[in-house]
PDB file of N, CA and C in Angstrom:
ATOM      1  N   UNK A   1      87.587  79.860  90.079  1.00  0.00           N
ATOM      2  CA  UNK A   1      88.766  79.999  90.916  1.00  0.00           C
ATOM      3  C   UNK A   1      88.297  80.086  92.368  1.00  0.00           C
ATOM      4  N   UNK A   2      88.857  79.263  93.227  1.00  0.00           N
ATOM      5  CA  UNK A   2      88.424  79.270  94.626  1.00  0.00           C
ATOM      6  C   UNK A   2      88.870  80.537  95.326  1.00  0.00           C
ATOM      7  N   UNK A   3      88.050  80.971  96.248  1.00  0.00           N
ATOM      8  CA  UNK A   3      88.416  82.153  97.017  1.00  0.00           C
ATOM      9  C   UNK A   3      89.272  81.738  98.201  1.00  0.00           C
ATOM     10  N   UNK A   4      90.170  82.615  98.566  1.00  0.00           N
ATOM     11  CA  UNK A   4      91.078  82.344  99.677  1.00  0.00           C
ATOM     12  C   UNK A   4      90.648  83.212 100.844  1.00  0.00           C
ATOM     13  N   UNK A   5      90.416  82.576 101.954  1.00  0.00           N
ATOM     14  CA  UNK A   5      90.093  83.336 103.153  1.00  0.00           C
ATOM     15  C   UNK A   5      91.316  83.347 104.054  1.00  0.00           C
ATOM     16  N   UNK A   6      91.489  84.433 104.729  1.00  0.00           N
ATOM     17  CA  UNK A   6      92.634  84.570 105.613  1.00  0.00           C
ATOM     18  C   UNK A   6      92.144  84.504 107.044  1.00  0.00           C
ATOM     19  N   UNK A   7      92.872  83.775 107.833  1.00  0.00           N
ATOM     20  CA  UNK A   7      92.506  83.622 109.230  1.00  0.00           C
ATOM     21  C   UNK A   7      93.002  84.832 110.001  1.00  0.00           C
ATOM     22  N   UNK A   8      92.095  85.459 110.706  1.00  0.00           N
ATOM     23  CA  UNK A   8      92.466  86.589 111.546  1.00  0.00           C
ATOM     24  C   UNK A   8      91.844  86.413 112.917  1.00  0.00           C
ATOM     25  N   UNK A   9      92.451  87.024 113.865  1.00  0.00           N
ATOM     26  CA  UNK A   9      91.935  87.022 115.224  1.00  0.00           C
ATOM     27  C   UNK A   9      91.409  88.415 115.517  1.00  0.00           C
ATOM     28  N   UNK A  10      90.171  88.495 115.984  1.00  0.00           N
ATOM     29  CA  UNK A  10      89.597  89.789 116.304  1.00  0.00           C
ATOM     30  C   UNK A  10      89.899  90.099 117.763  1.00  0.00           C
ATOM     31  N   UNK A  11      90.529  91.253 117.968  1.00  0.00           N
ATOM     32  CA  UNK A  11      90.858  91.693 119.319  1.00  0.00           C
ATOM     33  C   UNK A  11      90.118  92.991 119.590  1.00  0.00           C
ATOM     34  N   UNK A  12      90.255  93.498 120.792  1.00  0.00           N
ATOM     35  CA  UNK A  12      89.585  94.751 121.151  1.00  0.00           C
ATOM     36  C   UNK A  12      90.074  95.912 120.298  1.00  0.00           C
ATOM     37  N   UNK A  13      91.322  95.848 119.847  1.00  0.00           N
ATOM     38  CA  UNK A  13      91.901  96.916 119.035  1.00  0.00           C
ATOM     39  C   UNK A  13      91.639  96.760 117.554  1.00  0.00           C
ATOM     40  N   UNK A  14      90.958  95.693 117.155  1.00  0.00           N
ATOM     41  CA  UNK A  14      90.698  95.441 115.742  1.00  0.00           C
ATOM     42  C   UNK A  14      91.168  94.050 115.369  1.00  0.00           C
ATOM     43  N   UNK A  15      91.396  93.852 114.049  1.00  0.00           N
ATOM     44  CA  UNK A  15      91.830  92.548 113.577  1.00  0.00           C
ATOM     45  C   UNK A  15      93.343  92.429 113.647  1.00  0.00           C
ATOM     46  N   UNK A  16      93.796  91.240 113.969  1.00  0.00           N
ATOM     47  CA  UNK A  16      95.219  90.962 114.026  1.00  0.00           C
ATOM     48  C   UNK A  16      95.531  89.938 112.943  1.00  0.00           C
ATOM     49  N   UNK A  17      96.517  90.241 112.098  1.00  0.00           N
ATOM     50  CA  UNK A  17      96.880  89.334 111.016  1.00  0.00           C
ATOM     51  C   UNK A  17      97.620  88.132 111.576  1.00  0.00           C
ATOM     52  N   UNK A  18      97.451  87.003 110.936  1.00  0.00           N
ATOM     53  CA  UNK A  18      98.142  85.792 111.362  1.00  0.00           C
ATOM     54  C   UNK A  18      98.773  85.091 110.169  1.00  0.00           C
ATOM     55  N   UNK A  19      99.784  84.301 110.446  1.00  0.00           N
ATOM     56  CA  UNK A  19     100.365  83.395 109.468  1.00  0.00           C
ATOM     57  C   UNK A  19     100.858  84.054 108.203  1.00  0.00           C
ATOM     58  N   UNK A  20     100.279  83.601 107.094  1.00  0.00           N
ATOM     59  CA  UNK A  20     100.757  84.039 105.790  1.00  0.00           C
ATOM     60  C   UNK A  20     100.525  85.523 105.558  1.00  0.00           C
ATOM     61  N   UNK A  21      99.473  86.061 106.141  1.00  0.00           N
ATOM     62  CA  UNK A  21      99.208  87.486 105.954  1.00  0.00           C
ATOM     63  C   UNK A  21     100.307  88.323 106.602  1.00  0.00           C
ATOM     64  N   UNK A  22     100.787  87.910 107.751  1.00  0.00           N
ATOM     65  CA  UNK A  22     101.883  88.615 108.404  1.00  0.00           C
ATOM     66  C   UNK A  22     103.147  88.534 107.548  1.00  0.00           C
ATOM     67  N   UNK A  23     103.404  87.366 106.978  1.00  0.00           N
ATOM     68  CA  UNK A  23     104.569  87.214 106.105  1.00  0.00           C
ATOM     69  C   UNK A  23     104.453  88.124 104.886  1.00  0.00           C
ATOM     70  N   UNK A  24     103.263  88.231 104.328  1.00  0.00           N
ATOM     71  CA  UNK A  24     103.046  89.134 103.194  1.00  0.00           C
ATOM     72  C   UNK A  24     103.340  90.571 103.585  1.00  0.00           C
ATOM     73  N   UNK A  25     102.860  90.981 104.754  1.00  0.00           N
ATOM     74  CA  UNK A  25     103.099  92.344 105.221  1.00  0.00           C
ATOM     75  C   UNK A  25     104.594  92.615 105.380  1.00  0.00           C
ATOM     76  N   UNK A  26     105.318  91.648 105.900  1.00  0.00           N
ATOM     77  CA  UNK A  26     106.767  91.818 106.088  1.00  0.00           C
ATOM     78  C   UNK A  26     107.463  91.958 104.738  1.00  0.00           C
ATOM     79  N   UNK A  27     107.090  91.117 103.782  1.00  0.00           N
ATOM     80  CA  UNK A  27     107.693  91.183 102.442  1.00  0.00           C
ATOM     81  C   UNK A  27     107.409  92.537 101.807  1.00  0.00           C
ATOM     82  N   UNK A  28     106.155  92.969 101.838  1.00  0.00           N
ATOM     83  CA  UNK A  28     105.819  94.268 101.249  1.00  0.00           C
ATOM     84  C   UNK A  28     106.508  95.416 101.980  1.00  0.00           C
ATOM     85  N   UNK A  29     106.660  95.315 103.284  1.00  0.00           N
ATOM     86  CA  UNK A  29     107.340  96.349 104.045  1.00  0.00           C
ATOM     87  C   UNK A  29     108.807  96.452 103.628  1.00  0.00           C
ATOM     88  N   UNK A  30     109.502  95.314 103.563  1.00  0.00           N
ATOM     89  CA  UNK A  30     110.923  95.323 103.208  1.00  0.00           C
ATOM     90  C   UNK A  30     111.141  95.795 101.776  1.00  0.00           C
ATOM     91  N   UNK A  31     110.332  95.295 100.853  1.00  0.00           N
ATOM     92  CA  UNK A  31     110.476  95.736  99.470  1.00  0.00           C
ATOM     93  C   UNK A  31     110.048  97.199  99.324  1.00  0.00           C
ATOM     94  N   UNK A  32     109.113  97.649 100.148  1.00  0.00           N
ATOM     95  CA  UNK A  32     108.714  99.051 100.124  1.00  0.00           C
ATOM     96  C   UNK A  32     109.854  99.961 100.527  1.00  0.00           C
ATOM     97  N   UNK A  33     110.593  99.561 101.555  1.00  0.00           N
ATOM     98  CA  UNK A  33     111.769 100.339 101.968  1.00  0.00           C
ATOM     99  C   UNK A  33     112.782 100.399 100.833  1.00  0.00           C
ATOM    100  N   UNK A  34     113.013  99.267 100.171  1.00  0.00           N
ATOM    101  CA  UNK A  34     113.948  99.236  99.042  1.00  0.00           C
ATOM    102  C   UNK A  34     113.481 100.161  97.924  1.00  0.00           C
ATOM    103  N   UNK A  35     112.201 100.143  97.615  1.00  0.00           N
ATOM    104  CA  UNK A  35     111.658 101.010  96.567  1.00  0.00           C
ATOM    105  C   UNK A  35     111.849 102.481  96.915  1.00  0.00           C
ATOM    106  N   UNK A  36     111.643 102.832  98.167  1.00  0.00           N
ATOM    107  CA  UNK A  36     111.819 104.224  98.600  1.00  0.00           C
ATOM    108  C   UNK A  36     113.278 104.641  98.468  1.00  0.00           C
ATOM    109  N   UNK A  37     114.192 103.760  98.867  1.00  0.00           N
ATOM    110  CA  UNK A  37     115.619 104.071  98.738  1.00  0.00           C
ATOM    111  C   UNK A  37     116.013 104.244  97.274  1.00  0.00           C
ATOM    112  N   UNK A  38     115.502 103.381  96.408  1.00  0.00           N
ATOM    113  CA  UNK A  38     115.795 103.503  94.973  1.00  0.00           C
ATOM    114  C   UNK A  38     115.185 104.778  94.391  1.00  0.00           C
ATOM    115  N   UNK A  39     114.020 105.169  94.878  1.00  0.00           N
ATOM    116  CA  UNK A  39     113.406 106.415  94.410  1.00  0.00           C
ATOM    117  C   UNK A  39     114.264 107.614  94.829  1.00  0.00           C
ATOM    118  N   UNK A  40     114.785 107.584  96.057  1.00  0.00           N
ATOM    119  CA  UNK A  40     115.712 108.637  96.492  1.00  0.00           C
ATOM    120  C   UNK A  40     116.925 108.687  95.570  1.00  0.00           C
ATOM    121  N   UNK A  41     117.479 107.528  95.247  1.00  0.00           N
ATOM    122  CA  UNK A  41     118.643 107.466  94.367  1.00  0.00           C
ATOM    123  C   UNK A  41     118.326 108.100  93.015  1.00  0.00           C
ATOM    124  N   UNK A  42     117.179 107.744  92.453  1.00  0.00           N
ATOM    125  CA  UNK A  42     116.785 108.267  91.158  1.00  0.00           C
ATOM    126  C   UNK A  42     116.659 109.786  91.190  1.00  0.00           C
ATOM    127  N   UNK A  43     115.987 110.311  92.203  1.00  0.00           N
ATOM    128  CA  UNK A  43     115.795 111.758  92.322  1.00  0.00           C
ATOM    129  C   UNK A  43     117.123 112.468  92.563  1.00  0.00           C
ATOM    130  N   UNK A  44     117.961 111.900  93.414  1.00  0.00           N
ATOM    131  CA  UNK A  44     119.261 112.520  93.677  1.00  0.00           C
ATOM    132  C   UNK A  44     120.124 112.554  92.425  1.00  0.00           C
ATOM    133  N   UNK A  45     120.141 111.461  91.668  1.00  0.00           N
ATOM    134  CA  UNK A  45     120.936 111.425  90.440  1.00  0.00           C
ATOM    135  C   UNK A  45     120.389 112.417  89.416  1.00  0.00           C
ATOM    136  N   UNK A  46     119.058 112.457  89.282  1.00  0.00           N
ATOM    137  CA  UNK A  46     118.442 113.373  88.315  1.00  0.00           C
ATOM    138  C   UNK A  46     118.680 114.837  88.664  1.00  0.00           C
ATOM    139  N   UNK A  47     118.704 115.126  89.948  1.00  0.00           N
ATOM    140  CA  UNK A  47     118.884 116.517  90.366  1.00  0.00           C
ATOM    141  C   UNK A  47     120.352 116.893  90.541  1.00  0.00           C
ATOM    142  N   UNK A  48     121.250 115.952  90.345  1.00  0.00           N
ATOM    143  CA  UNK A  48     122.672 116.246  90.471  1.00  0.00           C
ATOM    144  C   UNK A  48     123.093 116.516  91.903  1.00  0.00           C
ATOM    145  N   UNK A  49     122.531 115.758  92.832  1.00  0.00           N
ATOM    146  CA  UNK A  49     122.856 115.954  94.249  1.00  0.00           C
ATOM    147  C   UNK A  49     124.345 115.712  94.493  1.00  0.00           C
ATOM    148  N   UNK A  50     124.881 116.416  95.453  1.00  0.00           N
ATOM    149  CA  UNK A  50     126.290 116.329  95.794  1.00  0.00           C
ATOM    150  C   UNK A  50     126.588 114.988  96.464  1.00  0.00           C
ATOM    151  N   UNK A  51     127.375 114.097  95.816  1.00  0.00           N
ATOM    152  CA  UNK A  51     127.694 112.812  96.437  1.00  0.00           C
ATOM    153  C   UNK A  51     128.586 112.946  97.664  1.00  0.00           C
ATOM    154  N   UNK A  52     129.137 114.120  97.888  1.00  0.00           N
ATOM    155  CA  UNK A  52     129.935 114.359  99.080  1.00  0.00           C
ATOM    156  C   UNK A  52     129.081 114.552 100.328  1.00  0.00           C
ATOM    157  N   UNK A  53     127.799 114.800 100.129  1.00  0.00           N
ATOM    158  CA  UNK A  53     126.882 114.937 101.256  1.00  0.00           C
ATOM    159  C   UNK A  53     126.704 113.577 101.917  1.00  0.00           C
ATOM    160  N   UNK A  54     126.669 113.563 103.226  1.00  0.00           N
ATOM    161  CA  UNK A  54     126.575 112.301 103.960  1.00  0.00           C
ATOM    162  C   UNK A  54     125.339 111.486 103.616  1.00  0.00           C
ATOM    163  N   UNK A  55     124.171 112.147 103.586  1.00  0.00           N
ATOM    164  CA  UNK A  55     122.927 111.430 103.312  1.00  0.00           C
ATOM    165  C   UNK A  55     122.893 110.900 101.878  1.00  0.00           C
ATOM    166  N   UNK A  56     123.309 111.725 100.935  1.00  0.00           N
ATOM    167  CA  UNK A  56     123.328 111.307  99.523  1.00  0.00           C
ATOM    168  C   UNK A  56     124.295 110.145  99.344  1.00  0.00           C
ATOM    169  N   UNK A  57     125.476 110.240  99.937  1.00  0.00           N
ATOM    170  CA  UNK A  57     126.452 109.160  99.853  1.00  0.00           C
ATOM    171  C   UNK A  57     125.917 107.878 100.479  1.00  0.00           C
ATOM    172  N   UNK A  58     125.200 108.008 101.601  1.00  0.00           N
ATOM    173  CA  UNK A  58     124.589 106.853 102.258  1.00  0.00           C
ATOM    174  C   UNK A  58     123.579 106.175 101.330  1.00  0.00           C
ATOM    175  N   UNK A  59     122.707 106.952 100.697  1.00  0.00           N
ATOM    176  CA  UNK A  59     121.710 106.399  99.780  1.00  0.00           C
ATOM    177  C   UNK A  59     122.396 105.715  98.599  1.00  0.00           C
ATOM    178  N   UNK A  60     123.399 106.348  98.026  1.00  0.00           N
ATOM    179  CA  UNK A  60     124.115 105.762  96.887  1.00  0.00           C
ATOM    180  C   UNK A  60     124.783 104.443  97.274  1.00  0.00           C
ATOM    181  N   UNK A  61     125.412 104.408  98.429  1.00  0.00           N
ATOM    182  CA  UNK A  61     126.128 103.193  98.828  1.00  0.00           C
ATOM    183  C   UNK A  61     125.167 102.059  99.179  1.00  0.00           C
ATOM    184  N   UNK A  62     124.039 102.375  99.816  1.00  0.00           N
ATOM    185  CA  UNK A  62     123.061 101.338 100.166  1.00  0.00           C
ATOM    186  C   UNK A  62     122.407 100.759  98.918  1.00  0.00           C
ATOM    187  N   UNK A  63     122.070 101.618  97.965  1.00  0.00           N
ATOM    188  CA  UNK A  63     121.323 101.162  96.783  1.00  0.00           C
ATOM    189  C   UNK A  63     122.213 100.612  95.676  1.00  0.00           C
ATOM    190  N   UNK A  64     123.507 100.837  95.763  1.00  0.00           N
ATOM    191  CA  UNK A  64     124.405 100.390  94.688  1.00  0.00           C
ATOM    192  C   UNK A  64     124.308  98.889  94.449  1.00  0.00           C
ATOM    193  N   UNK A  65     124.272  98.103  95.507  1.00  0.00           N
ATOM    194  CA  UNK A  65     124.239  96.652  95.355  1.00  0.00           C
ATOM    195  C   UNK A  65     122.936  96.175  94.701  1.00  0.00           C
ATOM    196  N   UNK A  66     121.841  96.887  94.953  1.00  0.00           N
ATOM    197  CA  UNK A  66     120.562  96.514  94.364  1.00  0.00           C
ATOM    198  C   UNK A  66     120.433  97.012  92.927  1.00  0.00           C
ATOM    199  N   UNK A  67     121.220  98.007  92.579  1.00  0.00           N
ATOM    200  CA  UNK A  67     121.200  98.571  91.235  1.00  0.00           C
ATOM    201  C   UNK A  67     122.167  97.849  90.297  1.00  0.00           C
ATOM    202  N   UNK A  68     123.192  97.203  90.850  1.00  0.00           N
ATOM    203  CA  UNK A  68     124.239  96.574  90.037  1.00  0.00           C
ATOM    204  C   UNK A  68     123.742  95.535  89.034  1.00  0.00           C
ATOM    205  N   UNK A  69     122.798  94.649  89.377  1.00  0.00           N
ATOM    206  CA  UNK A  69     122.381  93.660  88.381  1.00  0.00           C
ATOM    207  C   UNK A  69     121.782  94.270  87.120  1.00  0.00           C
ATOM    208  N   UNK A  70     121.358  95.510  87.181  1.00  0.00           N
ATOM    209  CA  UNK A  70     120.689  96.128  86.050  1.00  0.00           C
ATOM    210  C   UNK A  70     121.548  97.182  85.359  1.00  0.00           C
ATOM    211  N   UNK A  71     122.741  97.407  85.890  1.00  0.00           N
ATOM    212  CA  UNK A  71     123.658  98.382  85.290  1.00  0.00           C
ATOM    213  C   UNK A  71     124.098  97.883  83.927  1.00  0.00           C
ATOM    214  N   UNK A  72     124.135  98.775  82.979  1.00  0.00           N
ATOM    215  CA  UNK A  72     124.591  98.426  81.644  1.00  0.00           C
ATOM    216  C   UNK A  72     123.482  97.991  80.703  1.00  0.00           C
ATOM    217  N   UNK A  73     122.266  97.829  81.190  1.00  0.00           N
ATOM    218  CA  UNK A  73     121.161  97.481  80.291  1.00  0.00           C
ATOM    219  C   UNK A  73     120.925  98.626  79.321  1.00  0.00           C
ATOM    220  N   UNK A  74     120.876  99.837  79.862  1.00  0.00           N
ATOM    221  CA  UNK A  74     120.737 101.045  79.057  1.00  0.00           C
ATOM    222  C   UNK A  74     121.880 101.984  79.397  1.00  0.00           C
ATOM    223  N   UNK A  75     122.196 102.879  78.486  1.00  0.00           N
ATOM    224  CA  UNK A  75     123.247 103.858  78.738  1.00  0.00           C
ATOM    225  C   UNK A  75     122.737 104.959  79.657  1.00  0.00           C
ATOM    226  N   UNK A  76     123.627 105.422  80.515  1.00  0.00           N
ATOM    227  CA  UNK A  76     123.304 106.551  81.386  1.00  0.00           C
ATOM    228  C   UNK A  76     123.368 107.825  80.562  1.00  0.00           C
ATOM    229  N   UNK A  77     122.501 108.756  80.866  1.00  0.00           N
ATOM    230  CA  UNK A  77     122.477 110.045  80.188  1.00  0.00           C
ATOM    231  C   UNK A  77     122.841 111.124  81.188  1.00  0.00           C
ATOM    232  N   UNK A  78     123.731 112.020  80.789  1.00  0.00           N
ATOM    233  CA  UNK A  78     124.138 113.103  81.678  1.00  0.00           C
ATOM    234  C   UNK A  78     123.768 114.444  81.066  1.00  0.00           C
ATOM    235  N   UNK A  79     123.483 115.392  81.926  1.00  0.00           N
ATOM    236  CA  UNK A  79     123.186 116.766  81.509  1.00  0.00           C
ATOM    237  C   UNK A  79     123.945 117.701  82.435  1.00  0.00           C
ATOM    238  N   UNK A  80     125.016 118.331  81.921  1.00  0.00           N
ATOM    239  CA  UNK A  80     125.791 119.219  82.782  1.00  0.00           C
ATOM    240  C   UNK A  80     125.017 120.500  83.087  1.00  0.00           C
ATOM    241  N   UNK A  81     125.096 120.903  84.340  1.00  0.00           N
ATOM    242  CA  UNK A  81     124.474 122.154  84.773  1.00  0.00           C
ATOM    243  C   UNK A  81     125.541 123.143  85.166  1.00  0.00           C
ATOM    244  N   UNK A  82     125.139 124.231  85.791  1.00  0.00           N
ATOM    245  CA  UNK A  82     126.092 125.261  86.195  1.00  0.00           C
ATOM    246  C   UNK A  82     127.033 124.746  87.279  1.00  0.00           C
ATOM    247  N   UNK A  83     126.481 124.002  88.249  1.00  0.00           N
ATOM    248  CA  UNK A  83     127.305 123.531  89.353  1.00  0.00           C
ATOM    249  C   UNK A  83     127.319 122.018  89.497  1.00  0.00           C
ATOM    250  N   UNK A  84     126.332 121.353  88.949  1.00  0.00           N
ATOM    251  CA  UNK A  84     126.223 119.904  89.122  1.00  0.00           C
ATOM    252  C   UNK A  84     125.989 119.231  87.774  1.00  0.00           C
ATOM    253  N   UNK A  85     126.096 117.921  87.791  1.00  0.00           N
ATOM    254  CA  UNK A  85     125.805 117.123  86.602  1.00  0.00           C
ATOM    255  C   UNK A  85     124.650 116.191  86.939  1.00  0.00           C
ATOM    256  N   UNK A  86     123.565 116.344  86.217  1.00  0.00           N
ATOM    257  CA  UNK A  86     122.410 115.475  86.418  1.00  0.00           C
ATOM    258  C   UNK A  86     122.625 114.190  85.626  1.00  0.00           C
ATOM    259  N   UNK A  87     122.285 113.071  86.238  1.00  0.00           N
ATOM    260  CA  UNK A  87     122.475 111.770  85.606  1.00  0.00           C
ATOM    261  C   UNK A  87     121.142 111.039  85.604  1.00  0.00           C
ATOM    262  N   UNK A  88     120.745 110.564  84.422  1.00  0.00           N
ATOM    263  CA  UNK A  88     119.551 109.729  84.344  1.00  0.00           C
ATOM    264  C   UNK A  88     120.019 108.283  84.241  1.00  0.00           C
ATOM    265  N   UNK A  89     119.679 107.485  85.248  1.00  0.00           N
ATOM    266  CA  UNK A  89     120.046 106.069  85.301  1.00  0.00           C
ATOM    267  C   UNK A  89     118.814 105.206  85.026  1.00  0.00           C
ATOM    268  N   UNK A  90     118.633 104.758  83.793  1.00  0.00           N
ATOM    269  CA  UNK A  90     117.498 103.873  83.523  1.00  0.00           C
ATOM    270  C   UNK A  90     117.572 102.573  84.319  1.00  0.00           C
ATOM    271  N   UNK A  91     118.776 102.180  84.713  1.00  0.00           N
ATOM    272  CA  UNK A  91     118.922 100.941  85.484  1.00  0.00           C
ATOM    273  C   UNK A  91     118.190 101.032  86.820  1.00  0.00           C
ATOM    274  N   UNK A  92     118.108 102.227  87.390  1.00  0.00           N
ATOM    275  CA  UNK A  92     117.377 102.394  88.646  1.00  0.00           C
ATOM    276  C   UNK A  92     115.885 102.192  88.430  1.00  0.00           C
ATOM    277  N   UNK A  93     115.363 102.705  87.332  1.00  0.00           N
ATOM    278  CA  UNK A  93     113.950 102.482  87.013  1.00  0.00           C
ATOM    279  C   UNK A  93     113.659 101.008  86.778  1.00  0.00           C
ATOM    280  N   UNK A  94     114.540 100.347  86.040  1.00  0.00           N
ATOM    281  CA  UNK A  94     114.370  98.910  85.789  1.00  0.00           C
ATOM    282  C   UNK A  94     114.407  98.156  87.114  1.00  0.00           C
ATOM    283  N   UNK A  95     115.338  98.515  87.988  1.00  0.00           N
ATOM    284  CA  UNK A  95     115.442  97.860  89.291  1.00  0.00           C
ATOM    285  C   UNK A  95     114.159  98.038  90.089  1.00  0.00           C
ATOM    286  N   UNK A  96     113.593  99.234  90.069  1.00  0.00           N
ATOM    287  CA  UNK A  96     112.362  99.481  90.815  1.00  0.00           C
ATOM    288  C   UNK A  96     111.214  98.613  90.303  1.00  0.00           C
ATOM    289  N   UNK A  97     111.099  98.493  88.999  1.00  0.00           N
ATOM    290  CA  UNK A  97     110.035  97.658  88.412  1.00  0.00           C
ATOM    291  C   UNK A  97     110.260  96.190  88.746  1.00  0.00           C
ATOM    292  N   UNK A  98     111.499  95.718  88.581  1.00  0.00           N
ATOM    293  CA  UNK A  98     111.802  94.309  88.840  1.00  0.00           C
ATOM    294  C   UNK A  98     111.570  93.957  90.300  1.00  0.00           C
ATOM    295  N   UNK A  99     112.003  94.815  91.215  1.00  0.00           N
ATOM    296  CA  UNK A  99     111.812  94.519  92.632  1.00  0.00           C
ATOM    297  C   UNK A  99     110.343  94.583  93.037  1.00  0.00           C
ATOM    298  N   UNK A 100     109.561  95.437  92.407  1.00  0.00           N
ATOM    299  CA  UNK A 100     108.126  95.472  92.688  1.00  0.00           C
ATOM    300  C   UNK A 100     107.462  94.179  92.224  1.00  0.00           C
ATOM    301  N   UNK A 101     107.838  93.703  91.043  1.00  0.00           N
ATOM    302  CA  UNK A 101     107.297  92.433  90.541  1.00  0.00           C
ATOM    303  C   UNK A 101     107.761  91.276  91.418  1.00  0.00           C
ATOM    304  N   UNK A 102     109.005  91.319  91.847  1.00  0.00           N
ATOM    305  CA  UNK A 102     109.537  90.280  92.726  1.00  0.00           C
ATOM    306  C   UNK A 102     108.782  90.239  94.054  1.00  0.00           C
ATOM    307  N   UNK A 103     108.476  91.398  94.615  1.00  0.00           N
ATOM    308  CA  UNK A 103     107.712  91.451  95.866  1.00  0.00           C
ATOM    309  C   UNK A 103     106.340  90.827  95.672  1.00  0.00           C
ATOM    310  N   UNK A 104     105.690  91.163  94.574  1.00  0.00           N
ATOM    311  CA  UNK A 104     104.375  90.590  94.284  1.00  0.00           C
ATOM    312  C   UNK A 104     104.491  89.067  94.132  1.00  0.00           C
ATOM    313  N   UNK A 105     105.504  88.610  93.416  1.00  0.00           N
ATOM    314  CA  UNK A 105     105.692  87.175  93.217  1.00  0.00           C
ATOM    315  C   UNK A 105     105.954  86.430  94.515  1.00  0.00           C
ATOM    316  N   UNK A 106     106.757  86.997  95.378  1.00  0.00           N
ATOM    317  CA  UNK A 106     107.056  86.352  96.659  1.00  0.00           C
ATOM    318  C   UNK A 106     105.788  86.260  97.512  1.00  0.00           C
ATOM    319  N   UNK A 107     104.998  87.327  97.528  1.00  0.00           N
ATOM    320  CA  UNK A 107     103.765  87.272  98.325  1.00  0.00           C
ATOM    321  C   UNK A 107     102.770  86.274  97.737  1.00  0.00           C
ATOM    322  N   UNK A 108     102.735  86.148  96.428  1.00  0.00           N
ATOM    323  CA  UNK A 108     101.847  85.156  95.817  1.00  0.00           C
ATOM    324  C   UNK A 108     102.317  83.740  96.153  1.00  0.00           C
ATOM    325  N   UNK A 109     103.623  83.531  96.174  1.00  0.00           N
ATOM    326  CA  UNK A 109     104.167  82.230  96.547  1.00  0.00           C
ATOM    327  C   UNK A 109     103.833  81.908  98.003  1.00  0.00           C
ATOM    328  N   UNK A 110     103.955  82.894  98.873  1.00  0.00           N
ATOM    329  CA  UNK A 110     103.579  82.687 100.283  1.00  0.00           C
ATOM    330  C   UNK A 110     102.118  82.301 100.378  1.00  0.00           C
ATOM    331  N   UNK A 111     101.285  82.969  99.616  1.00  0.00           N
ATOM    332  CA  UNK A 111      99.854  82.686  99.630  1.00  0.00           C
ATOM    333  C   UNK A 111      99.565  81.271  99.128  1.00  0.00           C
ATOM    334  N   UNK A 112     100.236  80.869  98.072  1.00  0.00           N
ATOM    335  CA  UNK A 112     100.039  79.522  97.518  1.00  0.00           C
ATOM    336  C   UNK A 112     100.503  78.455  98.502  1.00  0.00           C
ATOM    337  N   UNK A 113     101.667  78.664  99.099  1.00  0.00           N
ATOM    338  CA  UNK A 113     102.219  77.664 100.016  1.00  0.00           C
ATOM    339  C   UNK A 113     101.466  77.586 101.334  1.00  0.00           C
ATOM    340  N   UNK A 114     100.739  78.642 101.678  1.00  0.00           N
ATOM    341  CA  UNK A 114     100.035  78.647 102.947  1.00  0.00           C
ATOM    342  C   UNK A 114      98.595  78.133 102.837  1.00  0.00           C
ATOM    343  N   UNK A 115      98.148  77.845 101.643  1.00  0.00           N
ATOM    344  CA  UNK A 115      96.796  77.322 101.471  1.00  0.00           C
ATOM    345  C   UNK A 115      96.707  75.932 102.046  1.00  0.00           C
ATOM    346  N   UNK A 116      95.584  75.684 102.654  1.00  0.00           N
ATOM    347  CA  UNK A 116      95.324  74.350 103.194  1.00  0.00           C
ATOM    348  C   UNK A 116      94.637  73.513 102.126  1.00  0.00           C
ATOM    349  N   UNK A 117      94.978  72.250 102.044  1.00  0.00           N
ATOM    350  CA  UNK A 117      94.309  71.417 101.039  1.00  0.00           C
ATOM    351  C   UNK A 117      92.809  71.295 101.366  1.00  0.00           C
ATOM    352  N   UNK A 118      92.023  71.196 100.315  1.00  0.00           N
ATOM    353  CA  UNK A 118      90.580  71.048 100.478  1.00  0.00           C
ATOM    354  C   UNK A 118      90.295  69.629 100.954  1.00  0.00           C
ATOM    355  N   UNK A 119      89.565  69.538 102.040  1.00  0.00           N
ATOM    356  CA  UNK A 119      89.216  68.230 102.587  1.00  0.00           C
ATOM    357  C   UNK A 119      87.922  67.761 101.972  1.00  0.00           C
ATOM    358  N   UNK A 120      87.883  66.483 101.617  1.00  0.00           N
ATOM    359  CA  UNK A 120      86.660  65.906 101.025  1.00  0.00           C
ATOM    360  C   UNK A 120      85.701  65.445 102.071  1.00  0.00           C
TER     361      UNK A 120
END
């Protein structure tokens, strides 16, 4: 398997990424933010966070669209507490795994498309 070298420019402050490497960083950054938001959703649901709270409501509303394709794969489990109801949403876990794989796939596609053909 041929090795892939990445073109970088060395500056006084260190190496600067170029081209496909920058695109990879952007993809991982955006998907990383999504993963963090989904992790917040999972923890808030598990701990029975108050959806009336502004921050909790914000997280739920932002992540709902990313969680919807996976809703209904597994049943939600609830555990009533003294003041709150904890909800385990397996769909959020599935979403986190799928989006992580998708991020990896997109970066691999960027890497493949950015390769230069071997000159004879």
